[in-house]
mmCIF file of all heavy atoms, coordinates in Angstrom:
data_MODEL
# 
_entry.id   MODEL 
# 
loop_
_atom_site.group_PDB 
_atom_site.id 
_atom_site.type_symbol 
_atom_site.label_atom_id 
_atom_site.label_alt_id 
_atom_site.label_comp_id 
_atom_site.label_asym_id 
_atom_site.label_entity_id 
_atom_site.label_seq_id 
_atom_site.pdbx_PDB_ins_code 
_atom_site.Cartn_x 
_atom_site.Cartn_y 
_atom_site.Cartn_z 
_atom_site.occupancy 
_atom_site.B_iso_or_equiv 
_atom_site.pdbx_formal_charge 
_atom_site.auth_seq_id 
_atom_site.auth_comp_id 
_atom_site.auth_asym_id 
_atom_site.auth_atom_id 
_atom_site.pdbx_PDB_model_num 
ATOM 1   N N   . SER A 1 1  ? 63.626 136.324 184.058 1.00 0.00 ? 1  SER A N   1 
ATOM 2   C CA  . SER A 1 1  ? 62.813 135.110 184.032 1.00 0.00 ? 1  SER A CA  1 
ATOM 3   C C   . SER A 1 1  ? 62.740 134.478 182.642 1.00 0.00 ? 1  SER A C   1 
ATOM 4   O O   . SER A 1 1  ? 61.988 133.518 182.432 1.00 0.00 ? 1  SER A O   1 
ATOM 5   C CB  . SER A 1 1  ? 61.389 135.417 184.518 1.00 0.00 ? 1  SER A CB  1 
ATOM 6   O OG  . SER A 1 1  ? 60.782 136.399 183.709 1.00 0.00 ? 1  SER A OG  1 
ATOM 7   N N   . LEU A 1 2  ? 63.522 134.974 181.705 1.00 0.00 ? 2  LEU A N   1 
ATOM 8   C CA  . LEU A 1 2  ? 63.444 134.503 180.331 1.00 0.00 ? 2  LEU A CA  1 
ATOM 9   C C   . LEU A 1 2  ? 64.014 133.093 180.196 1.00 0.00 ? 2  LEU A C   1 
ATOM 10  O O   . LEU A 1 2  ? 65.035 132.754 180.794 1.00 0.00 ? 2  LEU A O   1 
ATOM 11  C CB  . LEU A 1 2  ? 64.210 135.452 179.413 1.00 0.00 ? 2  LEU A CB  1 
ATOM 12  C CG  . LEU A 1 2  ? 63.796 135.507 177.930 1.00 0.00 ? 2  LEU A CG  1 
ATOM 13  C CD1 . LEU A 1 2  ? 62.326 135.879 177.795 1.00 0.00 ? 2  LEU A CD1 1 
ATOM 14  C CD2 . LEU A 1 2  ? 64.672 136.502 177.188 1.00 0.00 ? 2  LEU A CD2 1 
ATOM 15  N N   . ARG A 1 3  ? 63.335 132.278 179.406 1.00 0.00 ? 3  ARG A N   1 
ATOM 16  C CA  . ARG A 1 3  ? 63.763 130.892 179.167 1.00 0.00 ? 3  ARG A CA  1 
ATOM 17  C C   . ARG A 1 3  ? 63.829 130.616 177.669 1.00 0.00 ? 3  ARG A C   1 
ATOM 18  O O   . ARG A 1 3  ? 63.080 131.202 176.883 1.00 0.00 ? 3  ARG A O   1 
ATOM 19  C CB  . ARG A 1 3  ? 62.783 129.907 179.835 1.00 0.00 ? 3  ARG A CB  1 
ATOM 20  C CG  . ARG A 1 3  ? 62.831 129.941 181.359 1.00 0.00 ? 3  ARG A CG  1 
ATOM 21  C CD  . ARG A 1 3  ? 61.760 129.057 181.979 1.00 0.00 ? 3  ARG A CD  1 
ATOM 22  N NE  . ARG A 1 3  ? 61.896 128.992 183.431 1.00 0.00 ? 3  ARG A NE  1 
ATOM 23  C CZ  . ARG A 1 3  ? 62.588 128.066 184.090 1.00 0.00 ? 3  ARG A CZ  1 
ATOM 24  N NH1 . ARG A 1 3  ? 63.185 127.082 183.401 1.00 0.00 ? 3  ARG A NH1 1 
ATOM 25  N NH2 . ARG A 1 3  ? 62.673 128.089 185.401 1.00 0.00 ? 3  ARG A NH2 1 
ATOM 26  N N   . LEU A 1 4  ? 64.734 129.706 177.303 1.00 0.00 ? 4  LEU A N   1 
ATOM 27  C CA  . LEU A 1 4  ? 64.930 129.337 175.905 1.00 0.00 ? 4  LEU A CA  1 
ATOM 28  C C   . LEU A 1 4  ? 64.404 127.921 175.695 1.00 0.00 ? 4  LEU A C   1 
ATOM 29  O O   . LEU A 1 4  ? 64.782 126.995 176.423 1.00 0.00 ? 4  LEU A O   1 
ATOM 30  C CB  . LEU A 1 4  ? 66.415 129.403 175.538 1.00 0.00 ? 4  LEU A CB  1 
ATOM 31  C CG  . LEU A 1 4  ? 66.789 129.127 174.083 1.00 0.00 ? 4  LEU A CG  1 
ATOM 32  C CD1 . LEU A 1 4  ? 66.212 130.199 173.175 1.00 0.00 ? 4  LEU A CD1 1 
ATOM 33  C CD2 . LEU A 1 4  ? 68.315 129.070 173.937 1.00 0.00 ? 4  LEU A CD2 1 
ATOM 34  N N   . ALA A 1 5  ? 63.538 127.749 174.710 1.00 0.00 ? 5  ALA A N   1 
ATOM 35  C CA  . ALA A 1 5  ? 62.931 126.453 174.450 1.00 0.00 ? 5  ALA A CA  1 
ATOM 36  C C   . ALA A 1 5  ? 63.991 125.410 174.129 1.00 0.00 ? 5  ALA A C   1 
ATOM 37  O O   . ALA A 1 5  ? 64.994 125.697 173.470 1.00 0.00 ? 5  ALA A O   1 
ATOM 38  C CB  . ALA A 1 5  ? 61.941 126.563 173.295 1.00 0.00 ? 5  ALA A CB  1 
ATOM 39  N N   . THR A 1 6  ? 63.794 124.203 174.613 1.00 0.00 ? 6  THR A N   1 
ATOM 40  C CA  . THR A 1 6  ? 64.698 123.096 174.335 1.00 0.00 ? 6  THR A CA  1 
ATOM 41  C C   . THR A 1 6  ? 64.012 122.113 173.382 1.00 0.00 ? 6  THR A C   1 
ATOM 42  O O   . THR A 1 6  ? 62.860 122.287 173.021 1.00 0.00 ? 6  THR A O   1 
ATOM 43  C CB  . THR A 1 6  ? 65.087 122.374 175.629 1.00 0.00 ? 6  THR A CB  1 
ATOM 44  O OG1 . THR A 1 6  ? 63.891 121.936 176.305 1.00 0.00 ? 6  THR A OG1 1 
ATOM 45  C CG2 . THR A 1 6  ? 65.862 123.301 176.549 1.00 0.00 ? 6  THR A CG2 1 
ATOM 46  N N   . GLY A 1 7  ? 64.724 121.086 172.997 1.00 0.00 ? 7  GLY A N   1 
ATOM 47  C CA  . GLY A 1 7  ? 64.161 120.122 172.066 1.00 0.00 ? 7  GLY A CA  1 
ATOM 48  C C   . GLY A 1 7  ? 64.723 120.338 170.677 1.00 0.00 ? 7  GLY A C   1 
ATOM 49  O O   . GLY A 1 7  ? 65.659 121.121 170.477 1.00 0.00 ? 7  GLY A O   1 
ATOM 50  N N   . PRO A 1 8  ? 64.163 119.658 169.676 1.00 0.00 ? 8  PRO A N   1 
ATOM 51  C CA  . PRO A 1 8  ? 64.648 119.790 168.300 1.00 0.00 ? 8  PRO A CA  1 
ATOM 52  C C   . PRO A 1 8  ? 64.646 121.237 167.843 1.00 0.00 ? 8  PRO A C   1 
ATOM 53  O O   . PRO A 1 8  ? 63.691 121.983 168.093 1.00 0.00 ? 8  PRO A O   1 
ATOM 54  C CB  . PRO A 1 8  ? 63.645 118.942 167.495 1.00 0.00 ? 8  PRO A CB  1 
ATOM 55  C CG  . PRO A 1 8  ? 63.088 117.976 168.488 1.00 0.00 ? 8  PRO A CG  1 
ATOM 56  C CD  . PRO A 1 8  ? 63.033 118.716 169.790 1.00 0.00 ? 8  PRO A CD  1 
ATOM 57  N N   . ALA A 1 9  ? 65.731 121.645 167.193 1.00 0.00 ? 9  ALA A N   1 
ATOM 58  C CA  . ALA A 1 9  ? 65.840 123.030 166.734 1.00 0.00 ? 9  ALA A CA  1 
ATOM 59  C C   . ALA A 1 9  ? 64.837 123.311 165.625 1.00 0.00 ? 9  ALA A C   1 
ATOM 60  O O   . ALA A 1 9  ? 64.568 122.470 164.771 1.00 0.00 ? 9  ALA A O   1 
ATOM 61  C CB  . ALA A 1 9  ? 67.254 123.297 166.233 1.00 0.00 ? 9  ALA A CB  1 
ATOM 62  N N   . THR A 1 10 ? 64.257 124.489 165.660 1.00 0.00 ? 10 THR A N   1 
ATOM 63  C CA  . THR A 1 10 ? 63.383 124.925 164.581 1.00 0.00 ? 10 THR A CA  1 
ATOM 64  C C   . THR A 1 10 ? 64.017 126.120 163.894 1.00 0.00 ? 10 THR A C   1 
ATOM 65  O O   . THR A 1 10 ? 64.516 127.046 164.557 1.00 0.00 ? 10 THR A O   1 
ATOM 66  C CB  . THR A 1 10 ? 61.979 125.293 165.088 1.00 0.00 ? 10 THR A CB  1 
ATOM 67  O OG1 . THR A 1 10 ? 61.216 125.835 163.987 1.00 0.00 ? 10 THR A OG1 1 
ATOM 68  C CG2 . THR A 1 10 ? 62.030 126.312 166.206 1.00 0.00 ? 10 THR A CG2 1 
ATOM 69  N N   . TYR A 1 11 ? 64.027 126.095 162.578 1.00 0.00 ? 11 TYR A N   1 
ATOM 70  C CA  . TYR A 1 11 ? 64.663 127.155 161.804 1.00 0.00 ? 11 TYR A CA  1 
ATOM 71  C C   . TYR A 1 11 ? 63.643 127.936 160.993 1.00 0.00 ? 11 TYR A C   1 
ATOM 72  O O   . TYR A 1 11 ? 63.979 128.538 159.967 1.00 0.00 ? 11 TYR A O   1 
ATOM 73  C CB  . TYR A 1 11 ? 65.719 126.557 160.880 1.00 0.00 ? 11 TYR A CB  1 
ATOM 74  C CG  . TYR A 1 11 ? 66.830 125.851 161.626 1.00 0.00 ? 11 TYR A CG  1 
ATOM 75  C CD1 . TYR A 1 11 ? 66.842 124.476 161.772 1.00 0.00 ? 11 TYR A CD1 1 
ATOM 76  C CD2 . TYR A 1 11 ? 67.867 126.587 162.202 1.00 0.00 ? 11 TYR A CD2 1 
ATOM 77  C CE1 . TYR A 1 11 ? 67.852 123.834 162.469 1.00 0.00 ? 11 TYR A CE1 1 
ATOM 78  C CE2 . TYR A 1 11 ? 68.881 125.953 162.895 1.00 0.00 ? 11 TYR A CE2 1 
ATOM 79  C CZ  . TYR A 1 11 ? 68.870 124.580 163.029 1.00 0.00 ? 11 TYR A CZ  1 
ATOM 80  O OH  . TYR A 1 11 ? 69.879 123.956 163.734 1.00 0.00 ? 11 TYR A OH  1 
ATOM 81  N N   . ALA A 1 12 ? 62.397 127.934 161.469 1.00 0.00 ? 12 ALA A N   1 
ATOM 82  C CA  . ALA A 1 12 ? 61.345 128.651 160.756 1.00 0.00 ? 12 ALA A CA  1 
ATOM 83  C C   . ALA A 1 12 ? 61.681 130.131 160.595 1.00 0.00 ? 12 ALA A C   1 
ATOM 84  O O   . ALA A 1 12 ? 61.268 130.760 159.611 1.00 0.00 ? 12 ALA A O   1 
ATOM 85  C CB  . ALA A 1 12 ? 60.012 128.493 161.495 1.00 0.00 ? 12 ALA A CB  1 
ATOM 86  N N   . PHE A 1 13 ? 62.442 130.676 161.533 1.00 0.00 ? 13 PHE A N   1 
ATOM 87  C CA  . PHE A 1 13 ? 62.791 132.100 161.486 1.00 0.00 ? 13 PHE A CA  1 
ATOM 88  C C   . PHE A 1 13 ? 63.635 132.441 160.249 1.00 0.00 ? 13 PHE A C   1 
ATOM 89  O O   . PHE A 1 13 ? 63.745 133.611 159.875 1.00 0.00 ? 13 PHE A O   1 
ATOM 90  C CB  . PHE A 1 13 ? 63.554 132.500 162.756 1.00 0.00 ? 13 PHE A CB  1 
ATOM 91  C CG  . PHE A 1 13 ? 64.845 131.766 162.959 1.00 0.00 ? 13 PHE A CG  1 
ATOM 92  C CD1 . PHE A 1 13 ? 66.020 132.197 162.377 1.00 0.00 ? 13 PHE A CD1 1 
ATOM 93  C CD2 . PHE A 1 13 ? 64.884 130.622 163.745 1.00 0.00 ? 13 PHE A CD2 1 
ATOM 94  C CE1 . PHE A 1 13 ? 67.211 131.508 162.563 1.00 0.00 ? 13 PHE A CE1 1 
ATOM 95  C CE2 . PHE A 1 13 ? 66.068 129.921 163.946 1.00 0.00 ? 13 PHE A CE2 1 
ATOM 96  C CZ  . PHE A 1 13 ? 67.237 130.365 163.345 1.00 0.00 ? 13 PHE A CZ  1 
ATOM 97  N N   . SER A 1 14 ? 64.254 131.439 159.623 1.00 0.00 ? 14 SER A N   1 
ATOM 98  C CA  . SER A 1 14 ? 65.133 131.701 158.478 1.00 0.00 ? 14 SER A CA  1 
ATOM 99  C C   . SER A 1 14 ? 64.520 131.239 157.159 1.00 0.00 ? 14 SER A C   1 
ATOM 100 O O   . SER A 1 14 ? 65.218 131.209 156.141 1.00 0.00 ? 14 SER A O   1 
ATOM 101 C CB  . SER A 1 14 ? 66.480 131.002 158.685 1.00 0.00 ? 14 SER A CB  1 
ATOM 102 O OG  . SER A 1 14 ? 66.325 129.600 158.725 1.00 0.00 ? 14 SER A OG  1 
ATOM 103 N N   . ARG A 1 15 ? 63.249 130.908 157.152 1.00 0.00 ? 15 ARG A N   1 
ATOM 104 C CA  . ARG A 1 15 ? 62.626 130.339 155.958 1.00 0.00 ? 15 ARG A CA  1 
ATOM 105 C C   . ARG A 1 15 ? 62.617 131.320 154.794 1.00 0.00 ? 15 ARG A C   1 
ATOM 106 O O   . ARG A 1 15 ? 62.601 130.914 153.631 1.00 0.00 ? 15 ARG A O   1 
ATOM 107 C CB  . ARG A 1 15 ? 61.198 129.884 156.278 1.00 0.00 ? 15 ARG A CB  1 
ATOM 108 C CG  . ARG A 1 15 ? 60.546 129.070 155.158 1.00 0.00 ? 15 ARG A CG  1 
ATOM 109 C CD  . ARG A 1 15 ? 59.116 128.684 155.502 1.00 0.00 ? 15 ARG A CD  1 
ATOM 110 N NE  . ARG A 1 15 ? 59.076 127.801 156.655 1.00 0.00 ? 15 ARG A NE  1 
ATOM 111 C CZ  . ARG A 1 15 ? 58.250 127.935 157.681 1.00 0.00 ? 15 ARG A CZ  1 
ATOM 112 N NH1 . ARG A 1 15 ? 57.412 128.964 157.716 1.00 0.00 ? 15 ARG A NH1 1 
ATOM 113 N NH2 . ARG A 1 15 ? 58.253 127.082 158.675 1.00 0.00 ? 15 ARG A NH2 1 
ATOM 114 N N   . THR A 1 16 ? 62.602 132.615 155.072 1.00 0.00 ? 16 THR A N   1 
ATOM 115 C CA  . THR A 1 16 ? 62.508 133.608 153.997 1.00 0.00 ? 16 THR A CA  1 
ATOM 116 C C   . THR A 1 16 ? 63.835 134.315 153.723 1.00 0.00 ? 16 THR A C   1 
ATOM 117 O O   . THR A 1 16 ? 63.869 135.392 153.137 1.00 0.00 ? 16 THR A O   1 
ATOM 118 C CB  . THR A 1 16 ? 61.442 134.662 154.334 1.00 0.00 ? 16 THR A CB  1 
ATOM 119 O OG1 . THR A 1 16 ? 61.782 135.313 155.563 1.00 0.00 ? 16 THR A OG1 1 
ATOM 120 C CG2 . THR A 1 16 ? 60.068 134.023 154.463 1.00 0.00 ? 16 THR A CG2 1 
ATOM 121 N N   . VAL A 1 17 ? 64.939 133.692 154.120 1.00 0.00 ? 17 VAL A N   1 
ATOM 122 C CA  . VAL A 1 17 ? 66.269 134.273 153.885 1.00 0.00 ? 17 VAL A CA  1 
ATOM 123 C C   . VAL A 1 17 ? 66.993 133.423 152.845 1.00 0.00 ? 17 VAL A C   1 
ATOM 124 O O   . VAL A 1 17 ? 67.206 132.232 153.060 1.00 0.00 ? 17 VAL A O   1 
ATOM 125 C CB  . VAL A 1 17 ? 67.092 134.320 155.190 1.00 0.00 ? 17 VAL A CB  1 
ATOM 126 C CG1 . VAL A 1 17 ? 68.474 134.881 154.914 1.00 0.00 ? 17 VAL A CG1 1 
ATOM 127 C CG2 . VAL A 1 17 ? 66.378 135.166 156.233 1.00 0.00 ? 17 VAL A CG2 1 
ATOM 128 N N   . ASN A 1 18 ? 67.354 134.006 151.707 1.00 0.00 ? 18 ASN A N   1 
ATOM 129 C CA  . ASN A 1 18 ? 67.968 133.193 150.652 1.00 0.00 ? 18 ASN A CA  1 
ATOM 130 C C   . ASN A 1 18 ? 69.497 133.275 150.628 1.00 0.00 ? 18 ASN A C   1 
ATOM 131 O O   . ASN A 1 18 ? 70.134 132.648 149.782 1.00 0.00 ? 18 ASN A O   1 
ATOM 132 C CB  . ASN A 1 18 ? 67.397 133.559 149.279 1.00 0.00 ? 18 ASN A CB  1 
ATOM 133 C CG  . ASN A 1 18 ? 67.926 134.884 148.758 1.00 0.00 ? 18 ASN A CG  1 
ATOM 134 O OD1 . ASN A 1 18 ? 68.358 135.735 149.524 1.00 0.00 ? 18 ASN A OD1 1 
ATOM 135 N ND2 . ASN A 1 18 ? 67.885 135.059 147.451 1.00 0.00 ? 18 ASN A ND2 1 
ATOM 136 N N   . SER A 1 19 ? 70.088 134.007 151.564 1.00 0.00 ? 19 SER A N   1 
ATOM 137 C CA  . SER A 1 19 ? 71.545 134.021 151.711 1.00 0.00 ? 19 SER A CA  1 
ATOM 138 C C   . SER A 1 19 ? 71.883 134.558 153.100 1.00 0.00 ? 19 SER A C   1 
ATOM 139 O O   . SER A 1 19 ? 71.129 135.362 153.660 1.00 0.00 ? 19 SER A O   1 
ATOM 140 C CB  . SER A 1 19 ? 72.211 134.888 150.641 1.00 0.00 ? 19 SER A CB  1 
ATOM 141 O OG  . SER A 1 19 ? 71.891 136.253 150.814 1.00 0.00 ? 19 SER A OG  1 
ATOM 142 N N   . VAL A 1 20 ? 73.016 134.090 153.636 1.00 0.00 ? 20 VAL A N   1 
ATOM 143 C CA  . VAL A 1 20 ? 73.473 134.576 154.940 1.00 0.00 ? 20 VAL A CA  1 
ATOM 144 C C   . VAL A 1 20 ? 74.993 134.707 154.910 1.00 0.00 ? 20 VAL A C   1 
ATOM 145 O O   . VAL A 1 20 ? 75.673 134.018 154.139 1.00 0.00 ? 20 VAL A O   1 
ATOM 146 C CB  . VAL A 1 20 ? 73.063 133.631 156.098 1.00 0.00 ? 20 VAL A CB  1 
ATOM 147 C CG1 . VAL A 1 20 ? 71.560 133.591 156.258 1.00 0.00 ? 20 VAL A CG1 1 
ATOM 148 C CG2 . VAL A 1 20 ? 73.630 132.243 155.904 1.00 0.00 ? 20 VAL A CG2 1 
ATOM 149 N N   . PRO A 1 21 ? 75.551 135.583 155.747 1.00 0.00 ? 21 PRO A N   1 
ATOM 150 C CA  . PRO A 1 21 ? 77.004 135.725 155.818 1.00 0.00 ? 21 PRO A CA  1 
ATOM 151 C C   . PRO A 1 21 ? 77.683 134.431 156.263 1.00 0.00 ? 21 PRO A C   1 
ATOM 152 O O   . PRO A 1 21 ? 77.097 133.610 156.975 1.00 0.00 ? 21 PRO A O   1 
ATOM 153 C CB  . PRO A 1 21 ? 77.185 136.835 156.861 1.00 0.00 ? 21 PRO A CB  1 
ATOM 154 C CG  . PRO A 1 21 ? 75.905 137.596 156.841 1.00 0.00 ? 21 PRO A CG  1 
ATOM 155 C CD  . PRO A 1 21 ? 74.849 136.568 156.596 1.00 0.00 ? 21 PRO A CD  1 
ATOM 156 N N   . LEU A 1 22 ? 78.925 134.285 155.849 1.00 0.00 ? 22 LEU A N   1 
ATOM 157 C CA  . LEU A 1 22 ? 79.724 133.111 156.185 1.00 0.00 ? 22 LEU A CA  1 
ATOM 158 C C   . LEU A 1 22 ? 81.089 133.572 156.652 1.00 0.00 ? 22 LEU A C   1 
ATOM 159 O O   . LEU A 1 22 ? 81.628 134.556 156.140 1.00 0.00 ? 22 LEU A O   1 
ATOM 160 C CB  . LEU A 1 22 ? 79.877 132.217 154.949 1.00 0.00 ? 22 LEU A CB  1 
ATOM 161 C CG  . LEU A 1 22 ? 80.422 130.810 155.173 1.00 0.00 ? 22 LEU A CG  1 
ATOM 162 C CD1 . LEU A 1 22 ? 79.336 129.925 155.793 1.00 0.00 ? 22 LEU A CD1 1 
ATOM 163 C CD2 . LEU A 1 22 ? 80.893 130.202 153.853 1.00 0.00 ? 22 LEU A CD2 1 
ATOM 164 N N   . VAL A 1 23 ? 81.661 132.876 157.629 1.00 0.00 ? 23 VAL A N   1 
ATOM 165 C CA  . VAL A 1 23 ? 83.020 133.190 158.076 1.00 0.00 ? 23 VAL A CA  1 
ATOM 166 C C   . VAL A 1 23 ? 83.978 132.150 157.504 1.00 0.00 ? 23 VAL A C   1 
ATOM 167 O O   . VAL A 1 23 ? 83.583 131.034 157.148 1.00 0.00 ? 23 VAL A O   1 
ATOM 168 C CB  . VAL A 1 23 ? 83.127 133.239 159.619 1.00 0.00 ? 23 VAL A CB  1 
ATOM 169 C CG1 . VAL A 1 23 ? 82.315 134.415 160.159 1.00 0.00 ? 23 VAL A CG1 1 
ATOM 170 C CG2 . VAL A 1 23 ? 82.671 131.926 160.255 1.00 0.00 ? 23 VAL A CG2 1 
ATOM 171 N N   . VAL A 1 24 ? 85.255 132.520 157.421 1.00 0.00 ? 24 VAL A N   1 
ATOM 172 C CA  . VAL A 1 24 ? 86.228 131.668 156.731 1.00 0.00 ? 24 VAL A CA  1 
ATOM 173 C C   . VAL A 1 24 ? 86.377 130.298 157.380 1.00 0.00 ? 24 VAL A C   1 
ATOM 174 O O   . VAL A 1 24 ? 86.683 129.318 156.688 1.00 0.00 ? 24 VAL A O   1 
ATOM 175 C CB  . VAL A 1 24 ? 87.599 132.367 156.646 1.00 0.00 ? 24 VAL A CB  1 
ATOM 176 C CG1 . VAL A 1 24 ? 87.546 133.534 155.670 1.00 0.00 ? 24 VAL A CG1 1 
ATOM 177 C CG2 . VAL A 1 24 ? 88.074 132.829 158.017 1.00 0.00 ? 24 VAL A CG2 1 
ATOM 178 N N   . ALA A 1 25 ? 86.160 130.202 158.686 1.00 0.00 ? 25 ALA A N   1 
ATOM 179 C CA  . ALA A 1 25 ? 86.282 128.917 159.363 1.00 0.00 ? 25 ALA A CA  1 
ATOM 180 C C   . ALA A 1 25 ? 85.259 127.911 158.858 1.00 0.00 ? 25 ALA A C   1 
ATOM 181 O O   . ALA A 1 25 ? 85.416 126.698 159.072 1.00 0.00 ? 25 ALA A O   1 
ATOM 182 C CB  . ALA A 1 25 ? 86.117 129.103 160.872 1.00 0.00 ? 25 ALA A CB  1 
# 
């Protein structure tokens, strides 16, 4: 029964991350 919220994306979950992995593409 799980649903994923729609609408404008929120990136609050990444507010405290100062670097993330990157792929060559």
